[in-house]
N, C-alpha and C. Protein backbone atom coordinates (compact mmCIF):
# COMPACT_ATOMS: atom_id res chain seq x y z
N UNK A 1 -52.77 25.40 59.98
CA UNK A 1 -53.04 24.47 61.05
C UNK A 1 -53.03 25.25 62.37
N UNK A 2 -53.98 24.94 63.22
CA UNK A 2 -54.05 25.60 64.52
C UNK A 2 -53.65 24.63 65.62
N UNK A 3 -53.20 25.22 66.73
CA UNK A 3 -52.82 24.43 67.90
C UNK A 3 -53.71 24.84 69.05
N UNK A 4 -53.97 23.90 69.91
CA UNK A 4 -54.71 24.22 71.12
C UNK A 4 -53.78 24.91 72.11
N UNK A 5 -54.36 25.72 72.97
CA UNK A 5 -53.58 26.43 73.97
C UNK A 5 -52.80 25.43 74.82
N UNK A 6 -51.53 25.68 74.98
CA UNK A 6 -50.68 24.81 75.80
C UNK A 6 -50.07 23.64 75.04
N UNK A 7 -50.51 23.41 73.81
CA UNK A 7 -49.96 22.29 73.04
C UNK A 7 -48.55 22.62 72.57
N UNK A 8 -47.67 21.66 72.62
CA UNK A 8 -46.28 21.86 72.20
C UNK A 8 -46.19 22.04 70.69
N UNK A 9 -45.46 23.05 70.26
CA UNK A 9 -45.22 23.23 68.83
C UNK A 9 -44.01 22.39 68.43
N UNK A 10 -43.85 22.10 67.15
CA UNK A 10 -42.65 21.37 66.72
C UNK A 10 -41.36 22.09 67.11
N UNK A 11 -41.35 23.42 67.04
CA UNK A 11 -40.16 24.17 67.43
C UNK A 11 -39.84 24.01 68.91
N UNK A 12 -40.86 23.99 69.75
CA UNK A 12 -40.65 23.79 71.19
C UNK A 12 -40.09 22.41 71.46
N UNK A 13 -40.60 21.41 70.76
CA UNK A 13 -40.10 20.04 70.94
C UNK A 13 -38.63 19.98 70.53
N UNK A 14 -38.30 20.55 69.37
CA UNK A 14 -36.91 20.53 68.90
C UNK A 14 -35.98 21.27 69.86
N UNK A 15 -36.45 22.33 70.47
CA UNK A 15 -35.62 23.13 71.38
C UNK A 15 -35.44 22.43 72.73
N UNK A 16 -36.52 21.91 73.30
CA UNK A 16 -36.46 21.35 74.65
C UNK A 16 -36.14 19.87 74.70
N UNK A 17 -36.35 19.16 73.61
CA UNK A 17 -36.04 17.73 73.50
C UNK A 17 -35.23 17.51 72.22
N UNK A 18 -34.01 18.05 72.15
CA UNK A 18 -33.24 18.05 70.90
C UNK A 18 -32.59 16.73 70.52
N UNK A 19 -32.55 15.78 71.43
CA UNK A 19 -31.88 14.50 71.17
C UNK A 19 -32.92 13.52 70.67
N UNK A 20 -32.91 13.30 69.35
CA UNK A 20 -33.99 12.57 68.71
C UNK A 20 -33.48 11.32 68.02
N UNK A 21 -34.31 10.28 68.06
CA UNK A 21 -33.97 8.99 67.48
C UNK A 21 -35.11 8.55 66.57
N UNK A 22 -34.77 8.14 65.36
CA UNK A 22 -35.77 7.67 64.40
C UNK A 22 -35.80 6.15 64.41
N UNK A 23 -37.00 5.62 64.52
CA UNK A 23 -37.23 4.17 64.56
C UNK A 23 -38.26 3.83 63.50
N UNK A 24 -38.03 2.80 62.68
CA UNK A 24 -39.02 2.46 61.67
C UNK A 24 -40.40 2.24 62.29
N UNK A 25 -41.42 2.77 61.65
CA UNK A 25 -42.78 2.72 62.19
C UNK A 25 -43.25 1.29 62.42
N UNK A 26 -42.80 0.35 61.63
CA UNK A 26 -43.26 -1.04 61.82
C UNK A 26 -42.81 -1.62 63.15
N UNK A 27 -41.80 -1.02 63.78
CA UNK A 27 -41.37 -1.49 65.11
C UNK A 27 -42.42 -1.18 66.18
N UNK A 28 -43.35 -0.30 65.86
CA UNK A 28 -44.41 0.09 66.81
C UNK A 28 -45.62 -0.84 66.71
N UNK A 29 -45.62 -1.75 65.76
CA UNK A 29 -46.76 -2.65 65.56
C UNK A 29 -46.86 -3.66 66.70
N UNK A 30 -48.03 -4.19 66.90
CA UNK A 30 -48.26 -5.19 67.94
C UNK A 30 -47.91 -4.66 69.31
N UNK A 31 -47.12 -5.42 70.06
CA UNK A 31 -46.72 -5.02 71.41
C UNK A 31 -45.55 -4.04 71.41
N UNK A 32 -45.02 -3.72 70.23
CA UNK A 32 -43.87 -2.83 70.15
C UNK A 32 -44.12 -1.49 70.84
N UNK A 33 -45.30 -0.94 70.65
CA UNK A 33 -45.63 0.35 71.26
C UNK A 33 -45.58 0.25 72.78
N UNK A 34 -46.18 -0.79 73.35
CA UNK A 34 -46.17 -0.96 74.81
C UNK A 34 -44.76 -1.15 75.35
N UNK A 35 -43.96 -1.93 74.66
CA UNK A 35 -42.59 -2.21 75.10
C UNK A 35 -41.77 -0.92 75.10
N UNK A 36 -41.90 -0.15 74.04
CA UNK A 36 -41.14 1.10 73.94
C UNK A 36 -41.60 2.08 75.00
N UNK A 37 -42.89 2.26 75.17
CA UNK A 37 -43.40 3.21 76.17
C UNK A 37 -43.00 2.80 77.59
N UNK A 38 -43.02 1.52 77.87
CA UNK A 38 -42.62 1.05 79.20
C UNK A 38 -41.13 1.32 79.43
N UNK A 39 -40.31 1.07 78.43
CA UNK A 39 -38.88 1.32 78.54
C UNK A 39 -38.61 2.81 78.79
N UNK A 40 -39.38 3.67 78.16
CA UNK A 40 -39.16 5.12 78.24
C UNK A 40 -39.79 5.78 79.45
N UNK A 41 -40.50 5.02 80.25
CA UNK A 41 -41.23 5.59 81.38
C UNK A 41 -40.35 6.46 82.27
N UNK A 42 -39.14 6.03 82.57
CA UNK A 42 -38.24 6.78 83.47
C UNK A 42 -37.27 7.69 82.71
N UNK A 43 -37.43 7.79 81.40
CA UNK A 43 -36.53 8.61 80.60
C UNK A 43 -37.17 9.97 80.30
N UNK A 44 -36.39 10.86 79.75
CA UNK A 44 -36.84 12.22 79.47
C UNK A 44 -37.55 12.33 78.11
N UNK A 45 -38.35 11.35 77.78
CA UNK A 45 -39.07 11.31 76.51
C UNK A 45 -40.18 12.36 76.48
N UNK A 46 -40.24 13.11 75.40
CA UNK A 46 -41.33 14.06 75.20
C UNK A 46 -42.60 13.28 74.87
N UNK A 47 -43.72 13.70 75.41
CA UNK A 47 -44.97 12.98 75.13
C UNK A 47 -45.45 13.21 73.71
N UNK A 48 -44.84 14.17 73.02
CA UNK A 48 -45.20 14.43 71.63
C UNK A 48 -44.01 14.11 70.74
N UNK A 49 -44.18 13.19 69.84
CA UNK A 49 -43.15 12.88 68.85
C UNK A 49 -43.67 13.27 67.48
N UNK A 50 -43.06 12.75 66.45
CA UNK A 50 -43.53 13.01 65.09
C UNK A 50 -43.04 11.91 64.18
N UNK A 51 -43.46 11.95 62.94
CA UNK A 51 -43.01 10.97 61.97
C UNK A 51 -42.32 11.70 60.82
N UNK A 52 -41.44 10.97 60.17
CA UNK A 52 -40.80 11.46 58.95
C UNK A 52 -40.75 10.31 57.96
N UNK A 53 -40.55 10.65 56.70
CA UNK A 53 -40.45 9.64 55.66
C UNK A 53 -39.15 9.78 54.91
N UNK A 54 -38.55 8.63 54.60
CA UNK A 54 -37.31 8.60 53.80
C UNK A 54 -37.32 7.30 53.01
N UNK A 55 -37.04 7.41 51.73
CA UNK A 55 -36.97 6.23 50.86
C UNK A 55 -38.23 5.37 50.98
N UNK A 56 -39.39 5.99 50.91
CA UNK A 56 -40.68 5.29 50.97
C UNK A 56 -40.87 4.49 52.26
N UNK A 57 -40.24 4.92 53.32
CA UNK A 57 -40.36 4.27 54.61
C UNK A 57 -40.71 5.33 55.66
N UNK A 58 -41.61 4.98 56.58
CA UNK A 58 -42.03 5.91 57.63
C UNK A 58 -41.30 5.58 58.92
N UNK A 59 -40.85 6.64 59.61
CA UNK A 59 -40.14 6.50 60.87
C UNK A 59 -40.86 7.30 61.95
N UNK A 60 -40.94 6.73 63.14
CA UNK A 60 -41.40 7.46 64.32
C UNK A 60 -40.17 8.08 64.95
N UNK A 61 -40.27 9.36 65.31
CA UNK A 61 -39.14 10.05 65.92
C UNK A 61 -39.44 10.25 67.40
N UNK A 62 -38.55 9.75 68.25
CA UNK A 62 -38.67 9.86 69.70
C UNK A 62 -37.70 10.95 70.15
N UNK A 63 -38.20 11.89 70.95
CA UNK A 63 -37.45 13.08 71.32
C UNK A 63 -37.13 13.06 72.82
N UNK A 64 -35.86 13.25 73.15
CA UNK A 64 -35.39 13.20 74.54
C UNK A 64 -34.71 14.51 74.93
N UNK A 65 -34.87 14.90 76.18
CA UNK A 65 -34.19 16.09 76.71
C UNK A 65 -32.75 15.76 77.07
N UNK A 66 -32.51 14.55 77.53
CA UNK A 66 -31.18 14.13 78.00
C UNK A 66 -30.50 13.27 76.93
N UNK A 67 -29.29 13.65 76.49
CA UNK A 67 -28.61 12.86 75.46
C UNK A 67 -28.31 11.42 75.90
N UNK A 68 -28.10 11.21 77.19
CA UNK A 68 -27.86 9.84 77.67
C UNK A 68 -29.10 8.97 77.50
N UNK A 69 -30.27 9.55 77.67
CA UNK A 69 -31.51 8.80 77.49
C UNK A 69 -31.70 8.42 76.03
N UNK A 70 -31.35 9.32 75.12
CA UNK A 70 -31.42 9.00 73.69
C UNK A 70 -30.47 7.87 73.36
N UNK A 71 -29.28 7.88 73.96
CA UNK A 71 -28.30 6.80 73.74
C UNK A 71 -28.81 5.47 74.28
N UNK A 72 -29.42 5.48 75.47
CA UNK A 72 -30.00 4.26 76.02
C UNK A 72 -31.08 3.70 75.10
N UNK A 73 -31.92 4.57 74.60
CA UNK A 73 -32.99 4.16 73.69
C UNK A 73 -32.39 3.54 72.42
N UNK A 74 -31.38 4.19 71.88
CA UNK A 74 -30.74 3.69 70.65
C UNK A 74 -30.07 2.35 70.89
N UNK A 75 -29.44 2.18 72.05
CA UNK A 75 -28.80 0.89 72.38
C UNK A 75 -29.82 -0.22 72.48
N UNK A 76 -30.98 0.09 73.06
CA UNK A 76 -32.02 -0.93 73.26
C UNK A 76 -32.78 -1.27 71.98
N UNK A 77 -33.13 -0.23 71.19
CA UNK A 77 -33.99 -0.46 70.04
C UNK A 77 -33.30 -0.25 68.70
N UNK A 78 -32.08 0.25 68.72
CA UNK A 78 -31.35 0.43 67.48
C UNK A 78 -31.76 1.67 66.70
N UNK A 79 -31.43 1.67 65.49
CA UNK A 79 -31.66 2.72 64.51
C UNK A 79 -30.80 3.92 64.77
N UNK A 80 -31.17 5.04 64.26
CA UNK A 80 -30.21 6.13 64.17
C UNK A 80 -30.71 7.45 64.72
N UNK A 81 -29.76 8.31 65.05
CA UNK A 81 -30.14 9.64 65.52
C UNK A 81 -30.84 10.41 64.40
N UNK A 82 -31.74 11.29 64.79
CA UNK A 82 -32.41 12.16 63.84
C UNK A 82 -32.10 13.60 64.22
N UNK A 83 -31.58 14.35 63.28
CA UNK A 83 -31.30 15.76 63.51
C UNK A 83 -32.47 16.58 62.98
N UNK A 84 -33.13 17.37 63.83
CA UNK A 84 -34.28 18.16 63.37
C UNK A 84 -33.95 19.05 62.16
N UNK A 85 -32.69 19.39 61.97
CA UNK A 85 -32.30 20.20 60.81
C UNK A 85 -32.50 19.45 59.50
N UNK A 86 -32.62 18.12 59.58
CA UNK A 86 -32.79 17.30 58.38
C UNK A 86 -34.26 17.12 58.00
N UNK A 87 -35.16 17.72 58.77
CA UNK A 87 -36.59 17.64 58.45
C UNK A 87 -36.88 18.61 57.32
N UNK A 88 -37.76 18.21 56.42
CA UNK A 88 -38.16 19.08 55.32
C UNK A 88 -38.83 20.34 55.83
N UNK A 89 -39.02 21.29 54.94
CA UNK A 89 -39.64 22.56 55.29
C UNK A 89 -40.93 22.74 54.51
N UNK A 90 -41.82 23.55 55.08
CA UNK A 90 -43.07 23.87 54.39
C UNK A 90 -43.91 22.64 54.13
N UNK A 91 -44.34 22.48 52.90
CA UNK A 91 -45.21 21.34 52.55
C UNK A 91 -44.48 20.01 52.59
N UNK A 92 -43.17 20.04 52.68
CA UNK A 92 -42.38 18.80 52.74
C UNK A 92 -41.85 18.56 54.14
N UNK A 93 -42.55 19.11 55.15
CA UNK A 93 -42.15 19.00 56.54
C UNK A 93 -41.94 17.54 56.96
N UNK A 94 -42.69 16.63 56.38
CA UNK A 94 -42.67 15.22 56.78
C UNK A 94 -41.50 14.44 56.18
N UNK A 95 -40.72 15.05 55.32
CA UNK A 95 -39.63 14.32 54.66
C UNK A 95 -38.33 14.45 55.45
N UNK A 96 -37.58 13.34 55.47
CA UNK A 96 -36.28 13.30 56.13
C UNK A 96 -35.24 13.53 55.04
N UNK A 97 -34.67 14.70 55.03
CA UNK A 97 -33.66 15.03 54.04
C UNK A 97 -32.31 14.52 54.49
N UNK A 98 -31.56 13.96 53.60
CA UNK A 98 -30.21 13.49 53.89
C UNK A 98 -29.27 14.69 53.76
N UNK A 99 -28.54 14.96 54.83
CA UNK A 99 -27.62 16.11 54.75
C UNK A 99 -26.24 15.67 54.34
């Protein structure tokens, strides 16, 4: 896979926005996406997130530079912290491994 010049790599996101929260993808349906993006407007949210899968369920992962912003997001929308170390490797990069 190639990246365009200046595009953030997954490693850069994990390093610079290490405070990550996983939210079930269905929460993004309908107006959910607009509500979440509006809430995050003043927060340190990375413009690039990613998805992971666990137990046949897909999660959107929101990445924050500031741990307080990740906590605010979790308080508002729920769900759980995501540790980038729990992401699969290689061809299983998209899987959320339970540590």
